[in-house]
Amino acid sequence: MSELIFYTTEGCHLCDLAEQVLKNINLHQAVKFVDISDSEALVKLYGTRIPVVEDTATSEVLCWPFDENSFIEWLKA
């Protein structure tokens, strides 16, 4: 499996919901969490789109909203 990056920030309630999706499919520990507030470039790129998950092997991103089924389908694509 390629590396997955979860772009988030503190106080983001949608990020909390997305993190629960990852926990529900047992991927929470396999994902690298990155707080976009630490990078101006990431804020510009994802500030209005978080939570976002990136597959580093393909550079594909999945933006909220997603559920367990759509996340798994995205991983398979």
PDB file of N, CA and C in Angstrom:
ATOM      1  N   MET A   1       0.848  -1.183   0.000  1.00  0.00           N
ATOM      2  CA  MET A   1       0.000   0.000   0.000  1.00  0.00           C
ATOM      3  C   MET A   1       0.889   1.240   0.000  1.00  0.00           C
ATOM      4  N   SER A   2       0.500   2.218  -0.752  1.00  0.00           N
ATOM      5  CA  SER A   2       1.245   3.469  -0.783  1.00  0.00           C
ATOM      6  C   SER A   2       0.964   4.271   0.484  1.00  0.00           C
ATOM      7  N   GLU A   3       1.763   5.295   0.685  1.00  0.00           N
ATOM      8  CA  GLU A   3       1.566   6.136   1.867  1.00  0.00           C
ATOM      9  C   GLU A   3       0.365   7.049   1.662  1.00  0.00           C
ATOM     10  N   LEU A   4      -0.436   7.157   2.697  1.00  0.00           N
ATOM     11  CA  LEU A   4      -1.585   8.049   2.686  1.00  0.00           C
ATOM     12  C   LEU A   4      -1.325   9.185   3.653  1.00  0.00           C
ATOM     13  N   ILE A   5      -1.621  10.403   3.199  1.00  0.00           N
ATOM     14  CA  ILE A   5      -1.471  11.589   4.037  1.00  0.00           C
ATOM     15  C   ILE A   5      -2.856  12.193   4.251  1.00  0.00           C
ATOM     16  N   PHE A   6      -3.161  12.448   5.506  1.00  0.00           N
ATOM     17  CA  PHE A   6      -4.436  13.045   5.899  1.00  0.00           C
ATOM     18  C   PHE A   6      -4.162  14.491   6.274  1.00  0.00           C
ATOM     19  N   TYR A   7      -4.664  15.420   5.458  1.00  0.00           N
ATOM     20  CA  TYR A   7      -4.484  16.848   5.725  1.00  0.00           C
ATOM     21  C   TYR A   7      -5.634  17.325   6.601  1.00  0.00           C
ATOM     22  N   THR A   8      -5.286  17.971   7.687  1.00  0.00           N
ATOM     23  CA  THR A   8      -6.250  18.349   8.703  1.00  0.00           C
ATOM     24  C   THR A   8      -5.793  19.642   9.372  1.00  0.00           C
ATOM     25  N   THR A   9      -6.538  20.096  10.346  1.00  0.00           N
ATOM     26  CA  THR A   9      -6.105  21.188  11.211  1.00  0.00           C
ATOM     27  C   THR A   9      -6.917  21.132  12.496  1.00  0.00           C
ATOM     28  N   GLU A  10      -6.416  21.755  13.522  1.00  0.00           N
ATOM     29  CA  GLU A  10      -7.081  21.762  14.817  1.00  0.00           C
ATOM     30  C   GLU A  10      -8.420  22.487  14.720  1.00  0.00           C
ATOM     31  N   GLY A  11      -9.424  21.933  15.377  1.00  0.00           N
ATOM     32  CA  GLY A  11     -10.736  22.565  15.420  1.00  0.00           C
ATOM     33  C   GLY A  11     -11.603  22.295  14.211  1.00  0.00           C
ATOM     34  N   CYS A  12     -11.185  21.408  13.345  1.00  0.00           N
ATOM     35  CA  CYS A  12     -11.945  21.079  12.131  1.00  0.00           C
ATOM     36  C   CYS A  12     -12.881  19.909  12.440  1.00  0.00           C
ATOM     37  N   HIS A  13     -14.171  20.202  12.604  1.00  0.00           N
ATOM     38  CA  HIS A  13     -15.108  19.133  12.964  1.00  0.00           C
ATOM     39  C   HIS A  13     -15.293  18.130  11.839  1.00  0.00           C
ATOM     40  N   LEU A  14     -15.189  18.572  10.591  1.00  0.00           N
ATOM     41  CA  LEU A  14     -15.275  17.633   9.469  1.00  0.00           C
ATOM     42  C   LEU A  14     -14.075  16.696   9.460  1.00  0.00           C
ATOM     43  N   CYS A  15     -12.925  17.211   9.873  1.00  0.00           N
ATOM     44  CA  CYS A  15     -11.724  16.372   9.976  1.00  0.00           C
ATOM     45  C   CYS A  15     -11.926  15.294  11.027  1.00  0.00           C
ATOM     46  N   ASP A  16     -12.600  15.640  12.108  1.00  0.00           N
ATOM     47  CA  ASP A  16     -12.900  14.653  13.147  1.00  0.00           C
ATOM     48  C   ASP A  16     -13.795  13.543  12.589  1.00  0.00           C
ATOM     49  N   LEU A  17     -14.766  13.920  11.779  1.00  0.00           N
ATOM     50  CA  LEU A  17     -15.650  12.923  11.165  1.00  0.00           C
ATOM     51  C   LEU A  17     -14.872  12.031  10.197  1.00  0.00           C
ATOM     52  N   ALA A  18     -14.004  12.640   9.400  1.00  0.00           N
ATOM     53  CA  ALA A  18     -13.203  11.874   8.448  1.00  0.00           C
ATOM     54  C   ALA A  18     -12.240  10.938   9.169  1.00  0.00           C
ATOM     55  N   GLU A  19     -11.674  11.403  10.260  1.00  0.00           N
ATOM     56  CA  GLU A  19     -10.774  10.553  11.046  1.00  0.00           C
ATOM     57  C   GLU A  19     -11.523   9.336  11.583  1.00  0.00           C
ATOM     58  N   GLN A  20     -12.773   9.520  11.955  1.00  0.00           N
ATOM     59  CA  GLN A  20     -13.584   8.393  12.424  1.00  0.00           C
ATOM     60  C   GLN A  20     -13.802   7.381  11.306  1.00  0.00           C
ATOM     61  N   VAL A  21     -13.983   7.856  10.080  1.00  0.00           N
ATOM     62  CA  VAL A  21     -14.104   6.950   8.932  1.00  0.00           C
ATOM     63  C   VAL A  21     -12.853   6.084   8.830  1.00  0.00           C
ATOM     64  N   LEU A  22     -11.677   6.707   8.956  1.00  0.00           N
ATOM     65  CA  LEU A  22     -10.424   5.955   8.891  1.00  0.00           C
ATOM     66  C   LEU A  22     -10.338   4.931  10.020  1.00  0.00           C
ATOM     67  N   LYS A  23     -10.776   5.310  11.198  1.00  0.00           N
ATOM     68  CA  LYS A  23     -10.773   4.375  12.330  1.00  0.00           C
ATOM     69  C   LYS A  23     -11.710   3.202  12.068  1.00  0.00           C
ATOM     70  N   ASN A  24     -12.861   3.494  11.472  1.00  0.00           N
ATOM     71  CA  ASN A  24     -13.852   2.449  11.207  1.00  0.00           C
ATOM     72  C   ASN A  24     -13.342   1.386  10.241  1.00  0.00           C
ATOM     73  N   ILE A  25     -12.425   1.759   9.364  1.00  0.00           N
ATOM     74  CA  ILE A  25     -11.876   0.785   8.407  1.00  0.00           C
ATOM     75  C   ILE A  25     -10.438   0.404   8.763  1.00  0.00           C
ATOM     76  N   ASN A  26     -10.063   0.674  10.002  1.00  0.00           N
ATOM     77  CA  ASN A  26      -8.753   0.278  10.544  1.00  0.00           C
ATOM     78  C   ASN A  26      -7.567   0.838   9.763  1.00  0.00           C
ATOM     79  N   LEU A  27      -7.686   2.056   9.282  1.00  0.00           N
ATOM     80  CA  LEU A  27      -6.580   2.703   8.577  1.00  0.00           C
ATOM     81  C   LEU A  27      -5.991   3.865   9.364  1.00  0.00           C
ATOM     82  N   HIS A  28      -6.569   4.175  10.491  1.00  0.00           N
ATOM     83  CA  HIS A  28      -6.139   5.337  11.266  1.00  0.00           C
ATOM     84  C   HIS A  28      -4.641   5.307  11.556  1.00  0.00           C
ATOM     85  N   GLN A  29      -4.109   4.156  11.940  1.00  0.00           N
ATOM     86  CA  GLN A  29      -2.688   4.055  12.290  1.00  0.00           C
ATOM     87  C   GLN A  29      -1.780   4.073  11.065  1.00  0.00           C
ATOM     88  N   ALA A  30      -2.320   3.765   9.887  1.00  0.00           N
ATOM     89  CA  ALA A  30      -1.509   3.678   8.671  1.00  0.00           C
ATOM     90  C   ALA A  30      -1.392   5.009   7.937  1.00  0.00           C
ATOM     91  N   VAL A  31      -2.075   6.018   8.423  1.00  0.00           N
ATOM     92  CA  VAL A  31      -2.132   7.308   7.739  1.00  0.00           C
ATOM     93  C   VAL A  31      -1.236   8.314   8.452  1.00  0.00           C
ATOM     94  N   LYS A  32      -0.521   9.096   7.671  1.00  0.00           N
ATOM     95  CA  LYS A  32       0.295  10.185   8.224  1.00  0.00           C
ATOM     96  C   LYS A  32      -0.592  11.425   8.320  1.00  0.00           C
ATOM     97  N   PHE A  33      -0.671  12.012   9.500  1.00  0.00           N
ATOM     98  CA  PHE A  33      -1.483  13.205   9.716  1.00  0.00           C
ATOM     99  C   PHE A  33      -0.613  14.444   9.571  1.00  0.00           C
ATOM    100  N   VAL A  34      -1.088  15.402   8.765  1.00  0.00           N
ATOM    101  CA  VAL A  34      -0.363  16.648   8.539  1.00  0.00           C
ATOM    102  C   VAL A  34      -1.306  17.810   8.825  1.00  0.00           C
ATOM    103  N   ASP A  35      -0.899  18.678   9.730  1.00  0.00           N
ATOM    104  CA  ASP A  35      -1.675  19.877  10.056  1.00  0.00           C
ATOM    105  C   ASP A  35      -1.311  20.960   9.048  1.00  0.00           C
ATOM    106  N   ILE A  36      -2.286  21.369   8.244  1.00  0.00           N
ATOM    107  CA  ILE A  36      -2.001  22.338   7.184  1.00  0.00           C
ATOM    108  C   ILE A  36      -1.621  23.707   7.726  1.00  0.00           C
ATOM    109  N   SER A  37      -1.978  23.997   8.975  1.00  0.00           N
ATOM    110  CA  SER A  37      -1.662  25.320   9.528  1.00  0.00           C
ATOM    111  C   SER A  37      -0.162  25.522   9.706  1.00  0.00           C
ATOM    112  N   ASP A  38       0.609  24.448   9.602  1.00  0.00           N
ATOM    113  CA  ASP A  38       2.064  24.545   9.710  1.00  0.00           C
ATOM    114  C   ASP A  38       2.724  24.986   8.409  1.00  0.00           C
ATOM    115  N   SER A  39       1.936  25.107   7.337  1.00  0.00           N
ATOM    116  CA  SER A  39       2.496  25.441   6.028  1.00  0.00           C
ATOM    117  C   SER A  39       1.562  26.372   5.265  1.00  0.00           C
ATOM    118  N   GLU A  40       2.059  27.539   4.928  1.00  0.00           N
ATOM    119  CA  GLU A  40       1.249  28.491   4.155  1.00  0.00           C
ATOM    120  C   GLU A  40       0.834  27.895   2.815  1.00  0.00           C
ATOM    121  N   ALA A  41       1.730  27.131   2.204  1.00  0.00           N
ATOM    122  CA  ALA A  41       1.424  26.508   0.913  1.00  0.00           C
ATOM    123  C   ALA A  41       0.275  25.507   1.046  1.00  0.00           C
ATOM    124  N   LEU A  42       0.272  24.728   2.119  1.00  0.00           N
ATOM    125  CA  LEU A  42      -0.811  23.763   2.322  1.00  0.00           C
ATOM    126  C   LEU A  42      -2.124  24.458   2.645  1.00  0.00           C
ATOM    127  N   VAL A  43      -2.059  25.557   3.379  1.00  0.00           N
ATOM    128  CA  VAL A  43      -3.281  26.323   3.661  1.00  0.00           C
ATOM    129  C   VAL A  43      -3.879  26.830   2.354  1.00  0.00           C
ATOM    130  N   LYS A  44      -3.037  27.340   1.466  1.00  0.00           N
ATOM    131  CA  LYS A  44      -3.530  27.826   0.169  1.00  0.00           C
ATOM    132  C   LYS A  44      -4.112  26.693  -0.664  1.00  0.00           C
ATOM    133  N   LEU A  45      -3.470  25.530  -0.607  1.00  0.00           N
ATOM    134  CA  LEU A  45      -3.887  24.396  -1.426  1.00  0.00           C
ATOM    135  C   LEU A  45      -5.138  23.712  -0.884  1.00  0.00           C
ATOM    136  N   TYR A  46      -5.197  23.505   0.429  1.00  0.00           N
ATOM    137  CA  TYR A  46      -6.261  22.686   1.010  1.00  0.00           C
ATOM    138  C   TYR A  46      -7.141  23.403   2.027  1.00  0.00           C
ATOM    139  N   GLY A  47      -6.897  24.673   2.277  1.00  0.00           N
ATOM    140  CA  GLY A  47      -7.583  25.391   3.343  1.00  0.00           C
ATOM    141  C   GLY A  47      -9.091  25.298   3.334  1.00  0.00           C
ATOM    142  N   THR A  48      -9.697  25.344   2.169  1.00  0.00           N
ATOM    143  CA  THR A  48     -11.159  25.270   2.084  1.00  0.00           C
ATOM    144  C   THR A  48     -11.643  23.880   1.712  1.00  0.00           C
ATOM    145  N   ARG A  49     -10.714  22.923   1.591  1.00  0.00           N
ATOM    146  CA  ARG A  49     -11.082  21.584   1.128  1.00  0.00           C
ATOM    147  C   ARG A  49     -10.919  20.501   2.188  1.00  0.00           C
ATOM    148  N   ILE A  50     -10.261  20.821   3.313  1.00  0.00           N
ATOM    149  CA  ILE A  50     -10.002  19.774   4.298  1.00  0.00           C
ATOM    150  C   ILE A  50     -11.306  19.274   4.910  1.00  0.00           C
ATOM    151  N   PRO A  51     -11.322  18.032   5.288  1.00  0.00           N
ATOM    152  CA  PRO A  51     -10.244  17.060   5.292  1.00  0.00           C
ATOM    153  C   PRO A  51      -9.971  16.503   3.895  1.00  0.00           C
ATOM    154  N   VAL A  52      -8.701  16.259   3.642  1.00  0.00           N
ATOM    155  CA  VAL A  52      -8.240  15.717   2.365  1.00  0.00           C
ATOM    156  C   VAL A  52      -7.279  14.575   2.658  1.00  0.00           C
ATOM    157  N   VAL A  53      -7.409  13.503   1.889  1.00  0.00           N
ATOM    158  CA  VAL A  53      -6.461  12.395   1.971  1.00  0.00           C
ATOM    159  C   VAL A  53      -5.751  12.310   0.632  1.00  0.00           C
ATOM    160  N   GLU A  54      -4.423  12.204   0.681  1.00  0.00           N
ATOM    161  CA  GLU A  54      -3.618  12.087  -0.534  1.00  0.00           C
ATOM    162  C   GLU A  54      -2.944  10.723  -0.568  1.00  0.00           C
ATOM    163  N   ASP A  55      -2.979  10.097  -1.731  1.00  0.00           N
ATOM    164  CA  ASP A  55      -2.222   8.872  -1.985  1.00  0.00           C
ATOM    165  C   ASP A  55      -0.908   9.314  -2.622  1.00  0.00           C
ATOM    166  N   THR A  56       0.191   9.172  -1.916  1.00  0.00           N
ATOM    167  CA  THR A  56       1.468   9.704  -2.401  1.00  0.00           C
ATOM    168  C   THR A  56       1.990   8.968  -3.626  1.00  0.00           C
ATOM    169  N   ALA A  57       1.561   7.738  -3.836  1.00  0.00           N
ATOM    170  CA  ALA A  57       2.026   6.979  -4.998  1.00  0.00           C
ATOM    171  C   ALA A  57       1.437   7.520  -6.292  1.00  0.00           C
ATOM    172  N   THR A  58       0.204   8.013  -6.213  1.00  0.00           N
ATOM    173  CA  THR A  58      -0.483   8.480  -7.417  1.00  0.00           C
ATOM    174  C   THR A  58      -0.729   9.985  -7.426  1.00  0.00           C
ATOM    175  N   SER A  59      -0.520  10.630  -6.291  1.00  0.00           N
ATOM    176  CA  SER A  59      -0.827  12.054  -6.089  1.00  0.00           C
ATOM    177  C   SER A  59      -2.321  12.346  -6.190  1.00  0.00           C
ATOM    178  N   GLU A  60      -3.138  11.312  -6.170  1.00  0.00           N
ATOM    179  CA  GLU A  60      -4.589  11.492  -6.175  1.00  0.00           C
ATOM    180  C   GLU A  60      -5.040  11.923  -4.789  1.00  0.00           C
ATOM    181  N   VAL A  61      -6.052  12.777  -4.752  1.00  0.00           N
ATOM    182  CA  VAL A  61      -6.597  13.224  -3.474  1.00  0.00           C
ATOM    183  C   VAL A  61      -8.083  12.905  -3.392  1.00  0.00           C
ATOM    184  N   LEU A  62      -8.507  12.660  -2.179  1.00  0.00           N
ATOM    185  CA  LEU A  62      -9.916  12.443  -1.883  1.00  0.00           C
ATOM    186  C   LEU A  62     -10.327  13.509  -0.882  1.00  0.00           C
ATOM    187  N   CYS A  63     -11.297  14.316  -1.284  1.00  0.00           N
ATOM    188  CA  CYS A  63     -11.782  15.399  -0.423  1.00  0.00           C
ATOM    189  C   CYS A  63     -13.096  14.980   0.232  1.00  0.00           C
ATOM    190  N   TRP A  64     -13.346  15.562   1.378  1.00  0.00           N
ATOM    191  CA  TRP A  64     -14.606  15.355   2.078  1.00  0.00           C
ATOM    192  C   TRP A  64     -15.740  15.876   1.234  1.00  0.00           C
ATOM    193  N   PRO A  65     -16.888  15.242   1.194  1.00  0.00           N
ATOM    194  CA  PRO A  65     -17.326  14.163   2.059  1.00  0.00           C
ATOM    195  C   PRO A  65     -16.995  12.783   1.480  1.00  0.00           C
ATOM    196  N   PHE A  66     -16.676  11.865   2.369  1.00  0.00           N
ATOM    197  CA  PHE A  66     -16.519  10.458   2.007  1.00  0.00           C
ATOM    198  C   PHE A  66     -16.912   9.601   3.199  1.00  0.00           C
ATOM    199  N   ASP A  67     -17.323   8.381   2.875  1.00  0.00           N
ATOM    200  CA  ASP A  67     -17.649   7.416   3.925  1.00  0.00           C
ATOM    201  C   ASP A  67     -16.740   6.206   3.750  1.00  0.00           C
ATOM    202  N   GLU A  68     -16.971   5.182   4.535  1.00  0.00           N
ATOM    203  CA  GLU A  68     -16.117   4.005   4.488  1.00  0.00           C
ATOM    204  C   GLU A  68     -16.093   3.385   3.092  1.00  0.00           C
ATOM    205  N   ASN A  69     -17.277   3.228   2.484  1.00  0.00           N
ATOM    206  CA  ASN A  69     -17.357   2.593   1.168  1.00  0.00           C
ATOM    207  C   ASN A  69     -16.669   3.413   0.086  1.00  0.00           C
ATOM    208  N   SER A  70     -16.918   4.698   0.054  1.00  0.00           N
ATOM    209  CA  SER A  70     -16.297   5.522  -0.989  1.00  0.00           C
ATOM    210  C   SER A  70     -14.790   5.627  -0.782  1.00  0.00           C
ATOM    211  N   PHE A  71     -14.336   5.594   0.466  1.00  0.00           N
ATOM    212  CA  PHE A  71     -12.900   5.632   0.731  1.00  0.00           C
ATOM    213  C   PHE A  71     -12.232   4.362   0.220  1.00  0.00           C
ATOM    214  N   ILE A  72     -12.826   3.217   0.504  1.00  0.00           N
ATOM    215  CA  ILE A  72     -12.273   1.943   0.035  1.00  0.00           C
ATOM    216  C   ILE A  72     -12.264   1.890  -1.485  1.00  0.00           C
ATOM    217  N   GLU A  73     -13.323   2.345  -2.122  1.00  0.00           N
ATOM    218  CA  GLU A  73     -13.365   2.376  -3.594  1.00  0.00           C
ATOM    219  C   GLU A  73     -12.276   3.286  -4.151  1.00  0.00           C
ATOM    220  N   TRP A  74     -12.043   4.416  -3.511  1.00  0.00           N
ATOM    221  CA  TRP A  74     -10.982   5.334  -3.943  1.00  0.00           C
ATOM    222  C   TRP A  74      -9.626   4.656  -3.842  1.00  0.00           C
ATOM    223  N   LEU A  75      -9.401   3.911  -2.773  1.00  0.00           N
ATOM    224  CA  LEU A  75      -8.128   3.207  -2.605  1.00  0.00           C
ATOM    225  C   LEU A  75      -7.909   2.166  -3.695  1.00  0.00           C
ATOM    226  N   LYS A  76      -8.977   1.514  -4.116  1.00  0.00           N
ATOM    227  CA  LYS A  76      -8.878   0.463  -5.135  1.00  0.00           C
ATOM    228  C   LYS A  76      -8.641   1.025  -6.532  1.00  0.00           C
ATOM    229  N   ALA A  77      -9.039   2.254  -6.756  1.00  0.00           N
ATOM    230  CA  ALA A  77      -8.963   2.850  -8.107  1.00  0.00           C
ATOM    231  C   ALA A  77      -7.530   3.059  -8.555  1.00  0.00           C
TER     232      ALA A  77
END
